[in-house]
Amino acid sequence: MAPEIHLTQPYQGAQVDLFAAAVILFIMVAGHPPFSEASPKDQYYKTIAMNKSEVFWKAHSKSKPNKDFFSDEFKALIISMLSLDPNSRPTMDDIMSNEWFNGITPSM
């Protein structure tokens, strides 16, 4: 659930859905969830909420085969979609025109 739901704040469905899509996208790429709960109490989500994304990526890169496993474009997209402030999250149009979204697609 998006942080605004955990914090019992009013929310917009599209912004909450976009947050959920970011979690799913992260799982698809990384093979595991980005955090346990989208709450400033969660050790991983707290790094995003406090604008310390470099700590978030360092922690998640430890188990990956190389330090460049997550591209800079992917990192920027995910962090923007997981923003604590729902009004700072990109729109679907922003995502559809994003460099990572329109990048090279891996093949078999």
PDB file of N, CA and C in Angstrom:
ATOM      1  N   MET A   1       0.830  -1.177   0.000  1.00  0.00           N
ATOM      2  CA  MET A   1       0.000   0.000   0.000  1.00  0.00           C
ATOM      3  C   MET A   1       0.881   1.250   0.000  1.00  0.00           C
ATOM      4  N   ALA A   2       0.377   2.284  -0.637  1.00  0.00           N
ATOM      5  CA  ALA A   2       1.090   3.554  -0.700  1.00  0.00           C
ATOM      6  C   ALA A   2       1.183   4.187   0.687  1.00  0.00           C
ATOM      7  N   PRO A   3       2.201   5.006   0.919  1.00  0.00           N
ATOM      8  CA  PRO A   3       2.396   5.584   2.252  1.00  0.00           C
ATOM      9  C   PRO A   3       1.221   6.423   2.727  1.00  0.00           C
ATOM     10  N   GLU A   4       0.528   7.099   1.822  1.00  0.00           N
ATOM     11  CA  GLU A   4      -0.595   7.922   2.248  1.00  0.00           C
ATOM     12  C   GLU A   4      -1.711   7.078   2.857  1.00  0.00           C
ATOM     13  N   ILE A   5      -1.825   5.841   2.436  1.00  0.00           N
ATOM     14  CA  ILE A   5      -2.824   4.937   3.028  1.00  0.00           C
ATOM     15  C   ILE A   5      -2.369   4.525   4.427  1.00  0.00           C
ATOM     16  N   HIS A   6      -1.077   4.170   4.571  1.00  0.00           N
ATOM     17  CA  HIS A   6      -0.540   3.817   5.892  1.00  0.00           C
ATOM     18  C   HIS A   6      -0.662   4.981   6.869  1.00  0.00           C
ATOM     19  N   LEU A   7      -0.517   6.192   6.347  1.00  0.00           N
ATOM     20  CA  LEU A   7      -0.572   7.384   7.198  1.00  0.00           C
ATOM     21  C   LEU A   7      -2.002   7.894   7.380  1.00  0.00           C
ATOM     22  N   THR A   8      -2.968   7.128   6.878  1.00  0.00           N
ATOM     23  CA  THR A   8      -4.407   7.460   6.932  1.00  0.00           C
ATOM     24  C   THR A   8      -4.698   8.875   6.447  1.00  0.00           C
ATOM     25  N   GLN A   9      -4.087   9.231   5.323  1.00  0.00           N
ATOM     26  CA  GLN A   9      -4.314  10.525   4.695  1.00  0.00           C
ATOM     27  C   GLN A   9      -5.243  10.340   3.501  1.00  0.00           C
ATOM     28  N   PRO A  10      -5.899  11.413   3.070  1.00  0.00           N
ATOM     29  CA  PRO A  10      -6.699  11.318   1.842  1.00  0.00           C
ATOM     30  C   PRO A  10      -5.776  10.937   0.681  1.00  0.00           C
ATOM     31  N   TYR A  11      -6.327  10.238  -0.312  1.00  0.00           N
ATOM     32  CA  TYR A  11      -5.493   9.825  -1.436  1.00  0.00           C
ATOM     33  C   TYR A  11      -6.289   9.812  -2.733  1.00  0.00           C
ATOM     34  N   GLN A  12      -5.534   9.840  -3.829  1.00  0.00           N
ATOM     35  CA  GLN A  12      -6.089   9.753  -5.179  1.00  0.00           C
ATOM     36  C   GLN A  12      -5.790   8.353  -5.715  1.00  0.00           C
ATOM     37  N   GLY A  13      -6.781   7.711  -6.262  1.00  0.00           N
ATOM     38  CA  GLY A  13      -6.622   6.346  -6.759  1.00  0.00           C
ATOM     39  C   GLY A  13      -5.496   6.188  -7.761  1.00  0.00           C
ATOM     40  N   ALA A  14      -5.385   7.112  -8.702  1.00  0.00           N
ATOM     41  CA  ALA A  14      -4.349   7.000  -9.746  1.00  0.00           C
ATOM     42  C   ALA A  14      -2.948   7.054  -9.135  1.00  0.00           C
ATOM     43  N   GLN A  15      -2.744   7.911  -8.146  1.00  0.00           N
ATOM     44  CA  GLN A  15      -1.423   8.031  -7.523  1.00  0.00           C
ATOM     45  C   GLN A  15      -1.078   6.784  -6.706  1.00  0.00           C
ATOM     46  N   VAL A  16      -2.076   6.217  -6.056  1.00  0.00           N
ATOM     47  CA  VAL A  16      -1.876   4.986  -5.287  1.00  0.00           C
ATOM     48  C   VAL A  16      -1.590   3.820  -6.233  1.00  0.00           C
ATOM     49  N   ASP A  17      -2.323   3.752  -7.335  1.00  0.00           N
ATOM     50  CA  ASP A  17      -2.095   2.693  -8.321  1.00  0.00           C
ATOM     51  C   ASP A  17      -0.716   2.805  -8.947  1.00  0.00           C
ATOM     52  N   LEU A  18      -0.265   4.016  -9.204  1.00  0.00           N
ATOM     53  CA  LEU A  18       1.059   4.223  -9.777  1.00  0.00           C
ATOM     54  C   LEU A  18       2.135   3.753  -8.799  1.00  0.00           C
ATOM     55  N   PHE A  19       1.937   4.011  -7.518  1.00  0.00           N
ATOM     56  CA  PHE A  19       2.865   3.541  -6.494  1.00  0.00           C
ATOM     57  C   PHE A  19       2.924   2.015  -6.514  1.00  0.00           C
ATOM     58  N   ALA A  20       1.754   1.381  -6.568  1.00  0.00           N
ATOM     59  CA  ALA A  20       1.692  -0.084  -6.603  1.00  0.00           C
ATOM     60  C   ALA A  20       2.378  -0.628  -7.861  1.00  0.00           C
ATOM     61  N   ALA A  21       2.202   0.057  -8.973  1.00  0.00           N
ATOM     62  CA  ALA A  21       2.860  -0.365 -10.218  1.00  0.00           C
ATOM     63  C   ALA A  21       4.379  -0.301 -10.075  1.00  0.00           C
ATOM     64  N   ALA A  22       4.878   0.700  -9.352  1.00  0.00           N
ATOM     65  CA  ALA A  22       6.325   0.817  -9.124  1.00  0.00           C
ATOM     66  C   ALA A  22       6.838  -0.365  -8.312  1.00  0.00           C
ATOM     67  N   VAL A  23       6.080  -0.764  -7.309  1.00  0.00           N
ATOM     68  CA  VAL A  23       6.483  -1.916  -6.491  1.00  0.00           C
ATOM     69  C   VAL A  23       6.533  -3.174  -7.355  1.00  0.00           C
ATOM     70  N   ILE A  24       5.522  -3.358  -8.184  1.00  0.00           N
ATOM     71  CA  ILE A  24       5.482  -4.538  -9.065  1.00  0.00           C
ATOM     72  C   ILE A  24       6.627  -4.502 -10.072  1.00  0.00           C
ATOM     73  N   LEU A  25       6.883  -3.337 -10.656  1.00  0.00           N
ATOM     74  CA  LEU A  25       7.985  -3.203 -11.611  1.00  0.00           C
ATOM     75  C   LEU A  25       9.317  -3.520 -10.936  1.00  0.00           C
ATOM     76  N   PHE A  26       9.502  -3.013  -9.732  1.00  0.00           N
ATOM     77  CA  PHE A  26      10.739  -3.302  -9.004  1.00  0.00           C
ATOM     78  C   PHE A  26      10.901  -4.808  -8.790  1.00  0.00           C
ATOM     79  N   ILE A  27       9.823  -5.469  -8.378  1.00  0.00           N
ATOM     80  CA  ILE A  27       9.870  -6.916  -8.154  1.00  0.00           C
ATOM     81  C   ILE A  27      10.211  -7.649  -9.449  1.00  0.00           C
ATOM     82  N   MET A  28       9.629  -7.211 -10.556  1.00  0.00           N
ATOM     83  CA  MET A  28       9.901  -7.863 -11.845  1.00  0.00           C
ATOM     84  C   MET A  28      11.369  -7.750 -12.234  1.00  0.00           C
ATOM     85  N   VAL A  29      11.989  -6.610 -11.951  1.00  0.00           N
ATOM     86  CA  VAL A  29      13.395  -6.396 -12.323  1.00  0.00           C
ATOM     87  C   VAL A  29      14.338  -6.994 -11.286  1.00  0.00           C
ATOM     88  N   ALA A  30      14.078  -6.739 -10.013  1.00  0.00           N
ATOM     89  CA  ALA A  30      15.011  -7.148  -8.952  1.00  0.00           C
ATOM     90  C   ALA A  30      14.810  -8.584  -8.491  1.00  0.00           C
ATOM     91  N   GLY A  31      13.577  -9.078  -8.589  1.00  0.00           N
ATOM     92  CA  GLY A  31      13.293 -10.426  -8.114  1.00  0.00           C
ATOM     93  C   GLY A  31      12.866 -10.479  -6.661  1.00  0.00           C
ATOM     94  N   HIS A  32      12.686  -9.321  -6.048  1.00  0.00           N
ATOM     95  CA  HIS A  32      12.243  -9.237  -4.649  1.00  0.00           C
ATOM     96  C   HIS A  32      11.624  -7.855  -4.431  1.00  0.00           C
ATOM     97  N   PRO A  33      10.814  -7.709  -3.383  1.00  0.00           N
ATOM     98  CA  PRO A  33      10.179  -6.412  -3.118  1.00  0.00           C
ATOM     99  C   PRO A  33      11.193  -5.346  -2.696  1.00  0.00           C
ATOM    100  N   PRO A  34      10.862  -4.085  -2.914  1.00  0.00           N
ATOM    101  CA  PRO A  34      11.782  -3.006  -2.533  1.00  0.00           C
ATOM    102  C   PRO A  34      11.805  -2.743  -1.027  1.00  0.00           C
ATOM    103  N   PHE A  35      10.729  -3.090  -0.322  1.00  0.00           N
ATOM    104  CA  PHE A  35      10.607  -2.869   1.113  1.00  0.00           C
ATOM    105  C   PHE A  35       9.459  -3.719   1.622  1.00  0.00           C
ATOM    106  N   SER A  36       9.342  -3.813   2.942  1.00  0.00           N
ATOM    107  CA  SER A  36       8.252  -4.584   3.532  1.00  0.00           C
ATOM    108  C   SER A  36       6.965  -3.780   3.579  1.00  0.00           C
ATOM    109  N   GLU A  37       7.085  -2.500   3.883  1.00  0.00           N
ATOM    110  CA  GLU A  37       5.924  -1.639   4.032  1.00  0.00           C
ATOM    111  C   GLU A  37       6.304  -0.211   3.648  1.00  0.00           C
ATOM    112  N   ALA A  38       5.447   0.474   2.902  1.00  0.00           N
ATOM    113  CA  ALA A  38       5.716   1.845   2.484  1.00  0.00           C
ATOM    114  C   ALA A  38       5.413   2.794   3.632  1.00  0.00           C
ATOM    115  N   SER A  39       6.228   2.687   4.638  1.00  0.00           N
ATOM    116  CA  SER A  39       6.076   3.495   5.847  1.00  0.00           C
ATOM    117  C   SER A  39       7.443   4.043   6.216  1.00  0.00           C
ATOM    118  N   PRO A  40       7.495   5.269   6.708  1.00  0.00           N
ATOM    119  CA  PRO A  40       8.789   5.797   7.153  1.00  0.00           C
ATOM    120  C   PRO A  40       9.434   4.956   8.256  1.00  0.00           C
ATOM    121  N   LYS A  41       8.689   4.022   8.841  1.00  0.00           N
ATOM    122  CA  LYS A  41       9.249   3.122   9.851  1.00  0.00           C
ATOM    123  C   LYS A  41      10.048   1.979   9.212  1.00  0.00           C
ATOM    124  N   ASP A  42       9.765   1.666   7.948  1.00  0.00           N
ATOM    125  CA  ASP A  42      10.457   0.587   7.246  1.00  0.00           C
ATOM    126  C   ASP A  42      11.868   1.059   6.883  1.00  0.00           C
ATOM    127  N   GLN A  43      12.880   0.252   7.208  1.00  0.00           N
ATOM    128  CA  GLN A  43      14.270   0.673   6.986  1.00  0.00           C
ATOM    129  C   GLN A  43      14.575   1.007   5.532  1.00  0.00           C
ATOM    130  N   TYR A  44      13.988   0.303   4.582  1.00  0.00           N
ATOM    131  CA  TYR A  44      14.255   0.587   3.171  1.00  0.00           C
ATOM    132  C   TYR A  44      13.417   1.750   2.658  1.00  0.00           C
ATOM    133  N   TYR A  45      12.142   1.785   3.019  1.00  0.00           N
ATOM    134  CA  TYR A  45      11.310   2.885   2.520  1.00  0.00           C
ATOM    135  C   TYR A  45      11.731   4.209   3.142  1.00  0.00           C
ATOM    136  N   LYS A  46      12.236   4.163   4.377  1.00  0.00           N
ATOM    137  CA  LYS A  46      12.688   5.385   5.033  1.00  0.00           C
ATOM    138  C   LYS A  46      13.766   6.087   4.211  1.00  0.00           C
ATOM    139  N   THR A  47      14.637   5.318   3.561  1.00  0.00           N
ATOM    140  CA  THR A  47      15.694   5.938   2.757  1.00  0.00           C
ATOM    141  C   THR A  47      15.102   6.710   1.580  1.00  0.00           C
ATOM    142  N   ILE A  48      14.004   6.210   1.018  1.00  0.00           N
ATOM    143  CA  ILE A  48      13.334   6.923  -0.076  1.00  0.00           C
ATOM    144  C   ILE A  48      12.640   8.162   0.473  1.00  0.00           C
ATOM    145  N   ALA A  49      11.921   7.998   1.573  1.00  0.00           N
ATOM    146  CA  ALA A  49      11.170   9.103   2.169  1.00  0.00           C
ATOM    147  C   ALA A  49      12.091  10.240   2.607  1.00  0.00           C
ATOM    148  N   MET A  50      13.324   9.902   3.000  1.00  0.00           N
ATOM    149  CA  MET A  50      14.282  10.914   3.462  1.00  0.00           C
ATOM    150  C   MET A  50      15.205  11.400   2.344  1.00  0.00           C
ATOM    151  N   ASN A  51      14.855  11.078   1.101  1.00  0.00           N
ATOM    152  CA  ASN A  51      15.648  11.482  -0.074  1.00  0.00           C
ATOM    153  C   ASN A  51      17.084  10.975  -0.008  1.00  0.00           C
ATOM    154  N   LYS A  52      17.246   9.739   0.463  1.00  0.00           N
ATOM    155  CA  LYS A  52      18.565   9.099   0.517  1.00  0.00           C
ATOM    156  C   LYS A  52      18.549   7.850  -0.363  1.00  0.00           C
ATOM    157  N   SER A  53      18.155   8.054  -1.610  1.00  0.00           N
ATOM    158  CA  SER A  53      17.989   6.915  -2.513  1.00  0.00           C
ATOM    159  C   SER A  53      19.296   6.166  -2.760  1.00  0.00           C
ATOM    160  N   GLU A  54      20.440   6.848  -2.625  1.00  0.00           N
ATOM    161  CA  GLU A  54      21.713   6.156  -2.836  1.00  0.00           C
ATOM    162  C   GLU A  54      21.890   5.035  -1.819  1.00  0.00           C
ATOM    163  N   VAL A  55      21.389   5.220  -0.598  1.00  0.00           N
ATOM    164  CA  VAL A  55      21.454   4.180   0.434  1.00  0.00           C
ATOM    165  C   VAL A  55      20.526   3.023   0.052  1.00  0.00           C
ATOM    166  N   PHE A  56      19.343   3.351  -0.450  1.00  0.00           N
ATOM    167  CA  PHE A  56      18.385   2.346  -0.910  1.00  0.00           C
ATOM    168  C   PHE A  56      19.010   1.476  -2.000  1.00  0.00           C
ATOM    169  N   TRP A  57      19.610   2.111  -3.018  1.00  0.00           N
ATOM    170  CA  TRP A  57      20.175   1.351  -4.143  1.00  0.00           C
ATOM    171  C   TRP A  57      21.415   0.573  -3.731  1.00  0.00           C
ATOM    172  N   LYS A  58      22.201   1.116  -2.834  1.00  0.00           N
ATOM    173  CA  LYS A  58      23.386   0.389  -2.360  1.00  0.00           C
ATOM    174  C   LYS A  58      22.966  -0.902  -1.654  1.00  0.00           C
ATOM    175  N   ALA A  59      21.935  -0.812  -0.822  1.00  0.00           N
ATOM    176  CA  ALA A  59      21.451  -1.996  -0.105  1.00  0.00           C
ATOM    177  C   ALA A  59      20.900  -3.035  -1.072  1.00  0.00           C
ATOM    178  N   HIS A  60      20.162  -2.603  -2.085  1.00  0.00           N
ATOM    179  CA  HIS A  60      19.555  -3.552  -3.013  1.00  0.00           C
ATOM    180  C   HIS A  60      20.537  -4.072  -4.071  1.00  0.00           C
ATOM    181  N   SER A  61      21.636  -3.398  -4.236  1.00  0.00           N
ATOM    182  CA  SER A  61      22.625  -3.843  -5.230  1.00  0.00           C
ATOM    183  C   SER A  61      23.590  -4.885  -4.671  1.00  0.00           C
ATOM    184  N   LYS A  62      23.644  -5.021  -3.351  1.00  0.00           N
ATOM    185  CA  LYS A  62      24.589  -5.961  -2.725  1.00  0.00           C
ATOM    186  C   LYS A  62      24.420  -7.391  -3.223  1.00  0.00           C
ATOM    187  N   SER A  63      23.195  -7.806  -3.435  1.00  0.00           N
ATOM    188  CA  SER A  63      22.944  -9.202  -3.828  1.00  0.00           C
ATOM    189  C   SER A  63      22.901  -9.405  -5.341  1.00  0.00           C
ATOM    190  N   LYS A  64      23.185  -8.360  -6.100  1.00  0.00           N
ATOM    191  CA  LYS A  64      23.115  -8.457  -7.560  1.00  0.00           C
ATOM    192  C   LYS A  64      24.476  -8.832  -8.149  1.00  0.00           C
ATOM    193  N   PRO A  65      24.472  -9.397  -9.350  1.00  0.00           N
ATOM    194  CA  PRO A  65      25.718  -9.886  -9.944  1.00  0.00           C
ATOM    195  C   PRO A  65      26.743  -8.801 -10.263  1.00  0.00           C
ATOM    196  N   ASN A  66      26.302  -7.576 -10.467  1.00  0.00           N
ATOM    197  CA  ASN A  66      27.252  -6.486 -10.710  1.00  0.00           C
ATOM    198  C   ASN A  66      26.676  -5.173 -10.193  1.00  0.00           C
ATOM    199  N   LYS A  67      27.553  -4.201  -9.985  1.00  0.00           N
ATOM    200  CA  LYS A  67      27.121  -2.940  -9.391  1.00  0.00           C
ATOM    201  C   LYS A  67      26.235  -2.114 -10.317  1.00  0.00           C
ATOM    202  N   ASP A  68      26.235  -2.424 -11.591  1.00  0.00           N
ATOM    203  CA  ASP A  68      25.413  -1.700 -12.559  1.00  0.00           C
ATOM    204  C   ASP A  68      24.139  -2.460 -12.908  1.00  0.00           C
ATOM    205  N   PHE A  69      23.710  -3.362 -12.044  1.00  0.00           N
ATOM    206  CA  PHE A  69      22.516  -4.163 -12.306  1.00  0.00           C
ATOM    207  C   PHE A  69      21.305  -3.266 -12.571  1.00  0.00           C
ATOM    208  N   PHE A  70      21.149  -2.214 -11.748  1.00  0.00           N
ATOM    209  CA  PHE A  70      20.052  -1.260 -11.932  1.00  0.00           C
ATOM    210  C   PHE A  70      20.603  -0.054 -12.688  1.00  0.00           C
ATOM    211  N   SER A  71      20.033   0.236 -13.843  1.00  0.00           N
ATOM    212  CA  SER A  71      20.492   1.392 -14.612  1.00  0.00           C
ATOM    213  C   SER A  71      20.085   2.686 -13.915  1.00  0.00           C
ATOM    214  N   ASP A  72      20.791   3.758 -14.216  1.00  0.00           N
ATOM    215  CA  ASP A  72      20.456   5.062 -13.655  1.00  0.00           C
ATOM    216  C   ASP A  72      19.040   5.479 -14.046  1.00  0.00           C
ATOM    217  N   GLU A  73      18.633   5.146 -15.272  1.00  0.00           N
ATOM    218  CA  GLU A  73      17.286   5.489 -15.740  1.00  0.00           C
ATOM    219  C   GLU A  73      16.224   4.736 -14.950  1.00  0.00           C
ATOM    220  N   PHE A  74      16.478   3.448 -14.668  1.00  0.00           N
ATOM    221  CA  PHE A  74      15.547   2.656 -13.873  1.00  0.00           C
ATOM    222  C   PHE A  74      15.463   3.211 -12.451  1.00  0.00           C
ATOM    223  N   LYS A  75      16.606   3.505 -11.868  1.00  0.00           N
ATOM    224  CA  LYS A  75      16.643   4.041 -10.510  1.00  0.00           C
ATOM    225  C   LYS A  75      15.821   5.327 -10.411  1.00  0.00           C
ATOM    226  N   ALA A  76      16.026   6.231 -11.343  1.00  0.00           N
ATOM    227  CA  ALA A  76      15.311   7.514 -11.315  1.00  0.00           C
ATOM    228  C   ALA A  76      13.808   7.308 -11.458  1.00  0.00           C
ATOM    229  N   LEU A  77      13.415   6.411 -12.353  1.00  0.00           N
ATOM    230  CA  LEU A  77      11.991   6.149 -12.556  1.00  0.00           C
ATOM    231  C   LEU A  77      11.362   5.567 -11.294  1.00  0.00           C
ATOM    232  N   ILE A  78      11.979   4.558 -10.724  1.00  0.00           N
ATOM    233  CA  ILE A  78      11.422   3.901  -9.539  1.00  0.00           C
ATOM    234  C   ILE A  78      11.335   4.874  -8.363  1.00  0.00           C
ATOM    235  N   ILE A  79      12.399   5.615  -8.121  1.00  0.00           N
ATOM    236  CA  ILE A  79      12.385   6.552  -6.992  1.00  0.00           C
ATOM    237  C   ILE A  79      11.297   7.600  -7.174  1.00  0.00           C
ATOM    238  N   SER A  80      11.095   8.079  -8.387  1.00  0.00           N
ATOM    239  CA  SER A  80      10.037   9.075  -8.610  1.00  0.00           C
ATOM    240  C   SER A  80       8.658   8.459  -8.386  1.00  0.00           C
ATOM    241  N   MET A  81       8.471   7.223  -8.817  1.00  0.00           N
ATOM    242  CA  MET A  81       7.179   6.556  -8.653  1.00  0.00           C
ATOM    243  C   MET A  81       6.893   6.189  -7.197  1.00  0.00           C
ATOM    244  N   LEU A  82       7.939   5.991  -6.403  1.00  0.00           N
ATOM    245  CA  LEU A  82       7.778   5.617  -4.994  1.00  0.00           C
ATOM    246  C   LEU A  82       7.851   6.814  -4.053  1.00  0.00           C
ATOM    247  N   SER A  83       7.771   7.996  -4.581  1.00  0.00           N
ATOM    248  CA  SER A  83       7.884   9.208  -3.773  1.00  0.00           C
ATOM    249  C   SER A  83       6.879   9.212  -2.620  1.00  0.00           C
ATOM    250  N   LEU A  84       7.329   9.679  -1.465  1.00  0.00           N
ATOM    251  CA  LEU A  84       6.447   9.821  -0.315  1.00  0.00           C
ATOM    252  C   LEU A  84       5.323  10.811  -0.620  1.00  0.00           C
ATOM    253  N   ASP A  85       5.645  11.862  -1.333  1.00  0.00           N
ATOM    254  CA  ASP A  85       4.657  12.875  -1.709  1.00  0.00           C
ATOM    255  C   ASP A  85       3.948  12.423  -2.986  1.00  0.00           C
ATOM    256  N   PRO A  86       2.678  12.070  -2.898  1.00  0.00           N
ATOM    257  CA  PRO A  86       1.975  11.571  -4.084  1.00  0.00           C
ATOM    258  C   PRO A  86       1.929  12.581  -5.230  1.00  0.00           C
ATOM    259  N   ASN A  87       1.974  13.876  -4.903  1.00  0.00           N
ATOM    260  CA  ASN A  87       1.944  14.902  -5.950  1.00  0.00           C
ATOM    261  C   ASN A  87       3.272  15.017  -6.688  1.00  0.00           C
ATOM    262  N   SER A  88       4.315  14.408  -6.145  1.00  0.00           N
ATOM    263  CA  SER A  88       5.625  14.405  -6.804  1.00  0.00           C
ATOM    264  C   SER A  88       5.790  13.213  -7.747  1.00  0.00           C
ATOM    265  N   ARG A  89       4.887  12.260  -7.665  1.00  0.00           N
ATOM    266  CA  ARG A  89       4.984  11.082  -8.533  1.00  0.00           C
ATOM    267  C   ARG A  89       4.658  11.462  -9.969  1.00  0.00           C
ATOM    268  N   PRO A  90       5.290  10.787 -10.922  1.00  0.00           N
ATOM    269  CA  PRO A  90       5.010  11.100 -12.330  1.00  0.00           C
ATOM    270  C   PRO A  90       3.605  10.653 -12.734  1.00  0.00           C
ATOM    271  N   THR A  91       3.135  11.228 -13.812  1.00  0.00           N
ATOM    272  CA  THR A  91       1.857  10.790 -14.382  1.00  0.00           C
ATOM    273  C   THR A  91       2.141   9.621 -15.323  1.00  0.00           C
ATOM    274  N   MET A  92       1.093   8.973 -15.785  1.00  0.00           N
ATOM    275  CA  MET A  92       1.276   7.885 -16.759  1.00  0.00           C
ATOM    276  C   MET A  92       1.909   8.416 -18.042  1.00  0.00           C
ATOM    277  N   ASP A  93       1.560   9.621 -18.452  1.00  0.00           N
ATOM    278  CA  ASP A  93       2.188  10.223 -19.641  1.00  0.00           C
ATOM    279  C   ASP A  93       3.691  10.395 -19.417  1.00  0.00           C
ATOM    280  N   ASP A  94       4.062  10.835 -18.211  1.00  0.00           N
ATOM    281  CA  ASP A  94       5.490  10.973 -17.891  1.00  0.00           C
ATOM    282  C   ASP A  94       6.195   9.623 -17.987  1.00  0.00           C
ATOM    283  N   ILE A  95       5.573   8.597 -17.468  1.00  0.00           N
ATOM    284  CA  ILE A  95       6.171   7.261 -17.478  1.00  0.00           C
ATOM    285  C   ILE A  95       6.278   6.734 -18.906  1.00  0.00           C
ATOM    286  N   MET A  96       5.226   6.927 -19.686  1.00  0.00           N
ATOM    287  CA  MET A  96       5.219   6.433 -21.071  1.00  0.00           C
ATOM    288  C   MET A  96       6.292   7.112 -21.923  1.00  0.00           C
ATOM    289  N   SER A  97       6.714   8.311 -21.530  1.00  0.00           N
ATOM    290  CA  SER A  97       7.756   9.002 -22.287  1.00  0.00           C
ATOM    291  C   SER A  97       9.123   8.893 -21.607  1.00  0.00           C
ATOM    292  N   ASN A  98       9.194   8.140 -20.527  1.00  0.00           N
ATOM    293  CA  ASN A  98      10.430   7.985 -19.776  1.00  0.00           C
ATOM    294  C   ASN A  98      11.492   7.228 -20.579  1.00  0.00           C
ATOM    295  N   GLU A  99      12.742   7.631 -20.376  1.00  0.00           N
ATOM    296  CA  GLU A  99      13.868   7.018 -21.099  1.00  0.00           C
ATOM    297  C   GLU A  99      13.980   5.518 -20.828  1.00  0.00           C
ATOM    298  N   TRP A 100      13.812   5.094 -19.575  1.00  0.00           N
ATOM    299  CA  TRP A 100      13.916   3.667 -19.266  1.00  0.00           C
ATOM    300  C   TRP A 100      12.764   2.906 -19.912  1.00  0.00           C
ATOM    301  N   PHE A 101      11.567   3.441 -19.806  1.00  0.00           N
ATOM    302  CA  PHE A 101      10.384   2.787 -20.354  1.00  0.00           C
ATOM    303  C   PHE A 101      10.516   2.572 -21.862  1.00  0.00           C
ATOM    304  N   ASN A 102      11.139   3.504 -22.545  1.00  0.00           N
ATOM    305  CA  ASN A 102      11.286   3.426 -24.001  1.00  0.00           C
ATOM    306  C   ASN A 102      12.635   2.874 -24.439  1.00  0.00           C
ATOM    307  N   GLY A 103      13.381   2.331 -23.500  1.00  0.00           N
ATOM    308  CA  GLY A 103      14.709   1.805 -23.819  1.00  0.00           C
ATOM    309  C   GLY A 103      14.683   0.456 -24.477  1.00  0.00           C
ATOM    310  N   ILE A 104      15.842  -0.143 -24.582  1.00  0.00           N
ATOM    311  CA  ILE A 104      16.015  -1.449 -25.212  1.00  0.00           C
ATOM    312  C   ILE A 104      15.327  -2.515 -24.389  1.00  0.00           C
ATOM    313  N   THR A 105      14.617  -3.392 -25.058  1.00  0.00           N
ATOM    314  CA  THR A 105      13.933  -4.507 -24.409  1.00  0.00           C
ATOM    315  C   THR A 105      14.817  -5.750 -24.493  1.00  0.00           C
ATOM    316  N   PRO A 106      15.103  -6.371 -23.350  1.00  0.00           N
ATOM    317  CA  PRO A 106      15.919  -7.590 -23.392  1.00  0.00           C
ATOM    318  C   PRO A 106      15.210  -8.696 -24.178  1.00  0.00           C
ATOM    319  N   SER A 107      15.961  -9.545 -24.815  1.00  0.00           N
ATOM    320  CA  SER A 107      15.386 -10.666 -25.537  1.00  0.00           C
ATOM    321  C   SER A 107      15.997 -11.966 -25.023  1.00  0.00           C
ATOM    322  N   MET A 108      15.418 -13.074 -25.442  1.00  0.00           N
ATOM    323  CA  MET A 108      15.953 -14.369 -25.034  1.00  0.00           C
ATOM    324  C   MET A 108      17.304 -14.561 -25.666  1.00  0.00           C
TER     325      MET A 108
END
